[in-house]
């Protein structure tokens, strides 16, 4: 009876493939580059992956699952409290998420830039669209709990997803870890103050426009 492939071998191949894809891009990467870095054979690679493209997609989607897991871990009660005081409760989780992105910037580079010009280029869009969808779900829940807030959930999701994307791109190229958690905290405070101000302010009544005579 044949033995199951060693899962530690797969982990080593994934680490090697991530490095190769991030450094050279999927188009220039070769299976032999991956196996040489992992210290194993091509035969071992094909025990787990049908092709380098299949390996790329599996790694990218595994990383995406981890990112979405971090985004979903925020406590609903804390997230729903959009006052400056309530937002302080999630600062630690913001810091943990930023730290996670920093220590995984090689995988960020692989997903956001590594497949350009190949059949797997769709993964960058899938990555960003999935984050946007998750943020939209979160914003929709917040809006349901706080109907007085004027921000449209779609707009709030685009703001949040755009913030994550721009920070991710910055991290890929940074030499030292930026203090993104503090910047996100400042963004949340500005947003909270603005939302509370708008929520308390009466909606402007637009004057009727005169009809244009033909």
C-alpha atoms as a PDB file:
ATOM      1  CA  UNK A   1       0.000   0.000   0.000  1.00  0.00           C
ATOM      2  CA  UNK A   2       1.427   3.366  -1.076  1.00  0.00           C
ATOM      3  CA  UNK A   3       2.217   5.839   1.683  1.00  0.00           C
ATOM      4  CA  UNK A   4       0.590   9.266   1.693  1.00  0.00           C
ATOM      5  CA  UNK A   5       2.898  12.122   0.648  1.00  0.00           C
ATOM      6  CA  UNK A   6       4.739  13.801   3.507  1.00  0.00           C
ATOM      7  CA  UNK A   7       2.833  17.011   4.448  1.00  0.00           C
ATOM      8  CA  UNK A   8       6.101  18.621   5.587  1.00  0.00           C
ATOM      9  CA  UNK A   9       7.396  18.205   2.044  1.00  0.00           C
ATOM     10  CA  UNK A  10       4.368  20.121   0.763  1.00  0.00           C
ATOM     11  CA  UNK A  11       5.018  22.897   3.287  1.00  0.00           C
ATOM     12  CA  UNK A  12       8.612  23.152   2.093  1.00  0.00           C
ATOM     13  CA  UNK A  13       7.492  23.339  -1.527  1.00  0.00           C
ATOM     14  CA  UNK A  14       4.970  26.060  -0.683  1.00  0.00           C
ATOM     15  CA  UNK A  15       7.629  28.145   1.070  1.00  0.00           C
ATOM     16  CA  UNK A  16      10.018  27.719  -1.827  1.00  0.00           C
ATOM     17  CA  UNK A  17       7.356  28.453  -4.445  1.00  0.00           C
ATOM     18  CA  UNK A  18       6.236  31.581  -2.586  1.00  0.00           C
ATOM     19  CA  UNK A  19       9.778  32.932  -2.614  1.00  0.00           C
ATOM     20  CA  UNK A  20      10.316  32.106  -6.284  1.00  0.00           C
ATOM     21  CA  UNK A  21       6.969  33.574  -7.383  1.00  0.00           C
ATOM     22  CA  UNK A  22       7.548  36.762  -5.364  1.00  0.00           C
ATOM     23  CA  UNK A  23      11.094  37.248  -6.667  1.00  0.00           C
ATOM     24  CA  UNK A  24      10.746  36.187 -10.315  1.00  0.00           C
ATOM     25  CA  UNK A  25       7.034  36.270 -11.025  1.00  0.00           C
ATOM     26  CA  UNK A  26       4.987  33.332 -12.198  1.00  0.00           C
ATOM     27  CA  UNK A  27       5.881  33.832 -15.866  1.00  0.00           C
ATOM     28  CA  UNK A  28       9.627  33.501 -15.235  1.00  0.00           C
ATOM     29  CA  UNK A  29       9.451  30.885 -12.480  1.00  0.00           C
ATOM     30  CA  UNK A  30      10.249  27.263 -13.309  1.00  0.00           C
ATOM     31  CA  UNK A  31       9.302  24.148 -11.408  1.00  0.00           C
ATOM     32  CA  UNK A  32      12.995  23.336 -11.206  1.00  0.00           C
ATOM     33  CA  UNK A  33      13.615  26.689  -9.485  1.00  0.00           C
ATOM     34  CA  UNK A  34      11.082  25.720  -6.826  1.00  0.00           C
ATOM     35  CA  UNK A  35      12.342  22.188  -6.288  1.00  0.00           C
ATOM     36  CA  UNK A  36      15.976  23.274  -6.128  1.00  0.00           C
ATOM     37  CA  UNK A  37      15.122  25.817  -3.447  1.00  0.00           C
ATOM     38  CA  UNK A  38      13.056  23.249  -1.558  1.00  0.00           C
ATOM     39  CA  UNK A  39      15.843  20.680  -1.861  1.00  0.00           C
ATOM     40  CA  UNK A  40      13.655  18.055  -3.503  1.00  0.00           C
ATOM     41  CA  UNK A  41      12.785  16.629  -6.910  1.00  0.00           C
ATOM     42  CA  UNK A  42      10.307  17.538  -9.644  1.00  0.00           C
ATOM     43  CA  UNK A  43       8.586  14.248  -8.958  1.00  0.00           C
ATOM     44  CA  UNK A  44       7.902  15.387  -5.408  1.00  0.00           C
ATOM     45  CA  UNK A  45       6.467  18.667  -6.709  1.00  0.00           C
ATOM     46  CA  UNK A  46       4.008  16.841  -8.990  1.00  0.00           C
ATOM     47  CA  UNK A  47       2.798  14.713  -6.104  1.00  0.00           C
ATOM     48  CA  UNK A  48       1.095  17.861  -4.795  1.00  0.00           C
ATOM     49  CA  UNK A  49       0.581  20.202  -7.740  1.00  0.00           C
ATOM     50  CA  UNK A  50      -0.362  19.581 -11.364  1.00  0.00           C
ATOM     51  CA  UNK A  51       1.624  22.622 -12.546  1.00  0.00           C
ATOM     52  CA  UNK A  52       3.324  25.766 -11.328  1.00  0.00           C
ATOM     53  CA  UNK A  53       0.058  27.617 -12.041  1.00  0.00           C
ATOM     54  CA  UNK A  54      -1.870  25.209  -9.824  1.00  0.00           C
ATOM     55  CA  UNK A  55       0.696  25.765  -7.072  1.00  0.00           C
ATOM     56  CA  UNK A  56       0.392  29.526  -7.448  1.00  0.00           C
ATOM     57  CA  UNK A  57      -3.412  29.509  -7.165  1.00  0.00           C
ATOM     58  CA  UNK A  58      -3.353  27.151  -4.163  1.00  0.00           C
ATOM     59  CA  UNK A  59      -0.842  29.340  -2.324  1.00  0.00           C
ATOM     60  CA  UNK A  60      -2.638  32.585  -3.209  1.00  0.00           C
ATOM     61  CA  UNK A  61      -6.034  31.269  -2.083  1.00  0.00           C
ATOM     62  CA  UNK A  62      -4.568  29.868   1.121  1.00  0.00           C
ATOM     63  CA  UNK A  63      -3.120  33.289   1.915  1.00  0.00           C
ATOM     64  CA  UNK A  64      -6.424  34.958   1.040  1.00  0.00           C
ATOM     65  CA  UNK A  65      -8.214  32.695   3.533  1.00  0.00           C
ATOM     66  CA  UNK A  66      -5.788  33.830   6.247  1.00  0.00           C
ATOM     67  CA  UNK A  67      -6.317  37.509   5.408  1.00  0.00           C
ATOM     68  CA  UNK A  68     -10.103  37.152   5.456  1.00  0.00           C
ATOM     69  CA  UNK A  69      -9.860  35.278   8.748  1.00  0.00           C
ATOM     70  CA  UNK A  70      -8.111  38.289  10.281  1.00  0.00           C
ATOM     71  CA  UNK A  71     -10.726  40.657   8.903  1.00  0.00           C
ATOM     72  CA  UNK A  72     -13.595  38.553  10.267  1.00  0.00           C
ATOM     73  CA  UNK A  73     -12.111  38.257  13.750  1.00  0.00           C
ATOM     74  CA  UNK A  74     -13.173  41.738  14.789  1.00  0.00           C
ATOM     75  CA  UNK A  75     -15.754  41.674  17.559  1.00  0.00           C
ATOM     76  CA  UNK A  76     -19.132  42.777  16.211  1.00  0.00           C
ATOM     77  CA  UNK A  77     -19.995  44.749  19.330  1.00  0.00           C
ATOM     78  CA  UNK A  78     -16.730  46.684  19.248  1.00  0.00           C
ATOM     79  CA  UNK A  79     -16.887  47.255  15.522  1.00  0.00           C
ATOM     80  CA  UNK A  80     -20.481  48.434  15.756  1.00  0.00           C
ATOM     81  CA  UNK A  81     -19.498  51.117  18.282  1.00  0.00           C
ATOM     82  CA  UNK A  82     -18.250  53.853  15.969  1.00  0.00           C
ATOM     83  CA  UNK A  83     -17.575  56.417  18.681  1.00  0.00           C
ATOM     84  CA  UNK A  84     -13.914  57.353  19.246  1.00  0.00           C
ATOM     85  CA  UNK A  85     -14.050  55.626  22.641  1.00  0.00           C
ATOM     86  CA  UNK A  86     -15.494  52.427  21.224  1.00  0.00           C
ATOM     87  CA  UNK A  87     -13.018  52.312  18.361  1.00  0.00           C
ATOM     88  CA  UNK A  88     -10.141  52.095  20.830  1.00  0.00           C
ATOM     89  CA  UNK A  89     -11.261  48.529  21.617  1.00  0.00           C
ATOM     90  CA  UNK A  90     -10.111  47.267  18.231  1.00  0.00           C
ATOM     91  CA  UNK A  91      -6.726  49.021  18.105  1.00  0.00           C
ATOM     92  CA  UNK A  92      -4.935  45.882  19.271  1.00  0.00           C
ATOM     93  CA  UNK A  93      -6.509  43.858  16.478  1.00  0.00           C
ATOM     94  CA  UNK A  94      -5.593  46.520  13.945  1.00  0.00           C
ATOM     95  CA  UNK A  95      -1.995  46.265  15.146  1.00  0.00           C
ATOM     96  CA  UNK A  96      -2.073  42.469  14.914  1.00  0.00           C
ATOM     97  CA  UNK A  97      -3.445  42.607  11.359  1.00  0.00           C
ATOM     98  CA  UNK A  98      -0.794  45.118  10.266  1.00  0.00           C
ATOM     99  CA  UNK A  99       1.893  42.952  11.841  1.00  0.00           C
ATOM    100  CA  UNK A 100       0.505  39.921   9.991  1.00  0.00           C
ATOM    101  CA  UNK A 101       0.689  41.756   6.648  1.00  0.00           C
ATOM    102  CA  UNK A 102       4.235  42.931   7.366  1.00  0.00           C
ATOM    103  CA  UNK A 103       5.508  39.447   8.120  1.00  0.00           C
ATOM    104  CA  UNK A 104       3.746  38.109   5.021  1.00  0.00           C
ATOM    105  CA  UNK A 105       4.749  40.818   2.555  1.00  0.00           C
ATOM    106  CA  UNK A 106       6.446  38.227   0.360  1.00  0.00           C
ATOM    107  CA  UNK A 107       3.063  36.556  -0.121  1.00  0.00           C
ATOM    108  CA  UNK A 108       1.507  39.978  -0.688  1.00  0.00           C
ATOM    109  CA  UNK A 109       4.001  40.635  -3.477  1.00  0.00           C
ATOM    110  CA  UNK A 110       3.307  37.202  -4.937  1.00  0.00           C
ATOM    111  CA  UNK A 111      -0.471  37.719  -5.024  1.00  0.00           C
ATOM    112  CA  UNK A 112      -0.650  41.385  -6.006  1.00  0.00           C
ATOM    113  CA  UNK A 113       2.191  41.456  -8.534  1.00  0.00           C
ATOM    114  CA  UNK A 114       3.575  37.971  -9.161  1.00  0.00           C
ATOM    115  CA  UNK A 115       1.109  36.746 -11.782  1.00  0.00           C
ATOM    116  CA  UNK A 116       0.997  39.819 -14.035  1.00  0.00           C
ATOM    117  CA  UNK A 117       0.688  38.855 -17.691  1.00  0.00           C
ATOM    118  CA  UNK A 118      -0.172  35.215 -16.989  1.00  0.00           C
ATOM    119  CA  UNK A 119      -3.350  33.132 -16.900  1.00  0.00           C
ATOM    120  CA  UNK A 120      -3.353  33.494 -13.104  1.00  0.00           C
ATOM    121  CA  UNK A 121      -3.501  37.293 -13.137  1.00  0.00           C
ATOM    122  CA  UNK A 122      -7.143  36.992 -12.042  1.00  0.00           C
ATOM    123  CA  UNK A 123      -5.922  36.118  -8.540  1.00  0.00           C
ATOM    124  CA  UNK A 124      -5.061  39.760  -7.782  1.00  0.00           C
ATOM    125  CA  UNK A 125      -8.639  40.751  -8.592  1.00  0.00           C
ATOM    126  CA  UNK A 126     -10.030  37.801  -6.647  1.00  0.00           C
ATOM    127  CA  UNK A 127      -7.900  38.828  -3.674  1.00  0.00           C
ATOM    128  CA  UNK A 128      -9.084  42.449  -3.690  1.00  0.00           C
ATOM    129  CA  UNK A 129     -12.716  41.596  -4.547  1.00  0.00           C
ATOM    130  CA  UNK A 130     -12.885  39.130  -1.655  1.00  0.00           C
ATOM    131  CA  UNK A 131     -11.580  41.751   0.768  1.00  0.00           C
ATOM    132  CA  UNK A 132     -14.100  44.258  -0.588  1.00  0.00           C
ATOM    133  CA  UNK A 133     -16.956  41.750  -0.214  1.00  0.00           C
ATOM    134  CA  UNK A 134     -15.930  40.976   3.376  1.00  0.00           C
ATOM    135  CA  UNK A 135     -15.702  44.665   4.249  1.00  0.00           C
ATOM    136  CA  UNK A 136     -19.099  45.294   2.618  1.00  0.00           C
ATOM    137  CA  UNK A 137     -20.674  42.575   4.768  1.00  0.00           C
ATOM    138  CA  UNK A 138     -19.106  44.156   7.852  1.00  0.00           C
ATOM    139  CA  UNK A 139     -20.266  47.654   6.927  1.00  0.00           C
ATOM    140  CA  UNK A 140     -23.771  46.380   6.220  1.00  0.00           C
ATOM    141  CA  UNK A 141     -23.941  44.868   9.721  1.00  0.00           C
ATOM    142  CA  UNK A 142     -22.651  48.096  11.240  1.00  0.00           C
ATOM    143  CA  UNK A 143     -25.253  50.104   9.330  1.00  0.00           C
ATOM    144  CA  UNK A 144     -28.027  47.781  10.522  1.00  0.00           C
ATOM    145  CA  UNK A 145     -26.900  48.261  14.140  1.00  0.00           C
ATOM    146  CA  UNK A 146     -26.447  52.011  13.689  1.00  0.00           C
ATOM    147  CA  UNK A 147     -29.080  53.142  11.163  1.00  0.00           C
ATOM    148  CA  UNK A 148     -28.432  56.790  12.043  1.00  0.00           C
ATOM    149  CA  UNK A 149     -25.034  56.606  10.335  1.00  0.00           C
ATOM    150  CA  UNK A 150     -25.183  58.210   6.897  1.00  0.00           C
ATOM    151  CA  UNK A 151     -22.304  56.311   5.273  1.00  0.00           C
ATOM    152  CA  UNK A 152     -23.404  53.953   2.527  1.00  0.00           C
ATOM    153  CA  UNK A 153     -22.025  50.424   3.216  1.00  0.00           C
ATOM    154  CA  UNK A 154     -20.641  50.134  -0.315  1.00  0.00           C
ATOM    155  CA  UNK A 155     -18.773  53.415   0.046  1.00  0.00           C
ATOM    156  CA  UNK A 156     -17.476  52.465   3.488  1.00  0.00           C
ATOM    157  CA  UNK A 157     -16.292  49.120   2.145  1.00  0.00           C
ATOM    158  CA  UNK A 158     -14.426  50.795  -0.710  1.00  0.00           C
ATOM    159  CA  UNK A 159     -12.729  53.159   1.746  1.00  0.00           C
ATOM    160  CA  UNK A 160     -11.661  50.303   4.022  1.00  0.00           C
ATOM    161  CA  UNK A 161     -10.569  47.958   1.231  1.00  0.00           C
ATOM    162  CA  UNK A 162      -8.699  50.790  -0.483  1.00  0.00           C
ATOM    163  CA  UNK A 163      -6.874  51.565   2.754  1.00  0.00           C
ATOM    164  CA  UNK A 164      -5.810  47.927   3.140  1.00  0.00           C
ATOM    165  CA  UNK A 165      -4.703  47.731  -0.496  1.00  0.00           C
ATOM    166  CA  UNK A 166      -2.587  50.895  -0.343  1.00  0.00           C
ATOM    167  CA  UNK A 167      -0.948  49.795   2.910  1.00  0.00           C
ATOM    168  CA  UNK A 168      -0.263  46.374   1.417  1.00  0.00           C
ATOM    169  CA  UNK A 169       1.451  47.934  -1.607  1.00  0.00           C
ATOM    170  CA  UNK A 170       3.515  50.162   0.692  1.00  0.00           C
ATOM    171  CA  UNK A 171       4.602  47.197   2.804  1.00  0.00           C
ATOM    172  CA  UNK A 172       5.852  45.284  -0.238  1.00  0.00           C
ATOM    173  CA  UNK A 173       8.419  47.999  -0.924  1.00  0.00           C
ATOM    174  CA  UNK A 174       9.197  49.186   2.629  1.00  0.00           C
ATOM    175  CA  UNK A 175      12.594  48.447   4.195  1.00  0.00           C
ATOM    176  CA  UNK A 176      11.368  48.978   7.753  1.00  0.00           C
ATOM    177  CA  UNK A 177       7.954  48.231   9.223  1.00  0.00           C
ATOM    178  CA  UNK A 178       5.762  51.347   9.068  1.00  0.00           C
ATOM    179  CA  UNK A 179       3.544  52.240  12.009  1.00  0.00           C
ATOM    180  CA  UNK A 180       0.365  51.497  10.109  1.00  0.00           C
ATOM    181  CA  UNK A 181      -1.668  50.628  13.193  1.00  0.00           C
ATOM    182  CA  UNK A 182      -1.347  54.212  14.446  1.00  0.00           C
ATOM    183  CA  UNK A 183      -2.309  55.585  11.055  1.00  0.00           C
ATOM    184  CA  UNK A 184      -5.345  53.304  10.865  1.00  0.00           C
ATOM    185  CA  UNK A 185      -6.337  54.435  14.380  1.00  0.00           C
ATOM    186  CA  UNK A 186      -6.108  58.065  13.247  1.00  0.00           C
ATOM    187  CA  UNK A 187      -8.203  57.257  10.180  1.00  0.00           C
ATOM    188  CA  UNK A 188     -10.843  55.575  12.339  1.00  0.00           C
ATOM    189  CA  UNK A 189     -10.971  58.566  14.705  1.00  0.00           C
ATOM    190  CA  UNK A 190     -11.369  61.009  11.839  1.00  0.00           C
ATOM    191  CA  UNK A 191     -14.096  58.834  10.358  1.00  0.00           C
ATOM    192  CA  UNK A 192     -15.876  58.501  13.693  1.00  0.00           C
ATOM    193  CA  UNK A 193     -15.803  62.235  14.404  1.00  0.00           C
ATOM    194  CA  UNK A 194     -17.055  62.953  10.914  1.00  0.00           C
ATOM    195  CA  UNK A 195     -19.829  60.384  11.099  1.00  0.00           C
ATOM    196  CA  UNK A 196     -20.982  61.585  14.493  1.00  0.00           C
ATOM    197  CA  UNK A 197     -21.007  65.186  13.248  1.00  0.00           C
ATOM    198  CA  UNK A 198     -22.976  64.309  10.141  1.00  0.00           C
ATOM    199  CA  UNK A 199     -25.372  62.118  12.130  1.00  0.00           C
ATOM    200  CA  UNK A 200     -26.181  65.053  14.444  1.00  0.00           C
ATOM    201  CA  UNK A 201     -26.471  67.608  11.633  1.00  0.00           C
ATOM    202  CA  UNK A 202     -29.753  68.129   9.792  1.00  0.00           C
ATOM    203  CA  UNK A 203     -29.757  67.011   6.211  1.00  0.00           C
ATOM    204  CA  UNK A 204     -29.506  69.998   3.836  1.00  0.00           C
ATOM    205  CA  UNK A 205     -32.613  70.769   1.857  1.00  0.00           C
ATOM    206  CA  UNK A 206     -31.786  71.410  -1.752  1.00  0.00           C
ATOM    207  CA  UNK A 207     -33.557  74.348  -3.330  1.00  0.00           C
ATOM    208  CA  UNK A 208     -35.802  73.529  -6.236  1.00  0.00           C
ATOM    209  CA  UNK A 209     -34.155  74.330  -9.528  1.00  0.00           C
ATOM    210  CA  UNK A 210     -36.069  76.582 -11.893  1.00  0.00           C
ATOM    211  CA  UNK A 211     -37.413  74.904 -14.958  1.00  0.00           C
ATOM    212  CA  UNK A 212     -35.586  75.723 -18.142  1.00  0.00           C
ATOM    213  CA  UNK A 213     -37.956  77.054 -20.763  1.00  0.00           C
ATOM    214  CA  UNK A 214     -37.444  75.587 -24.195  1.00  0.00           C
END
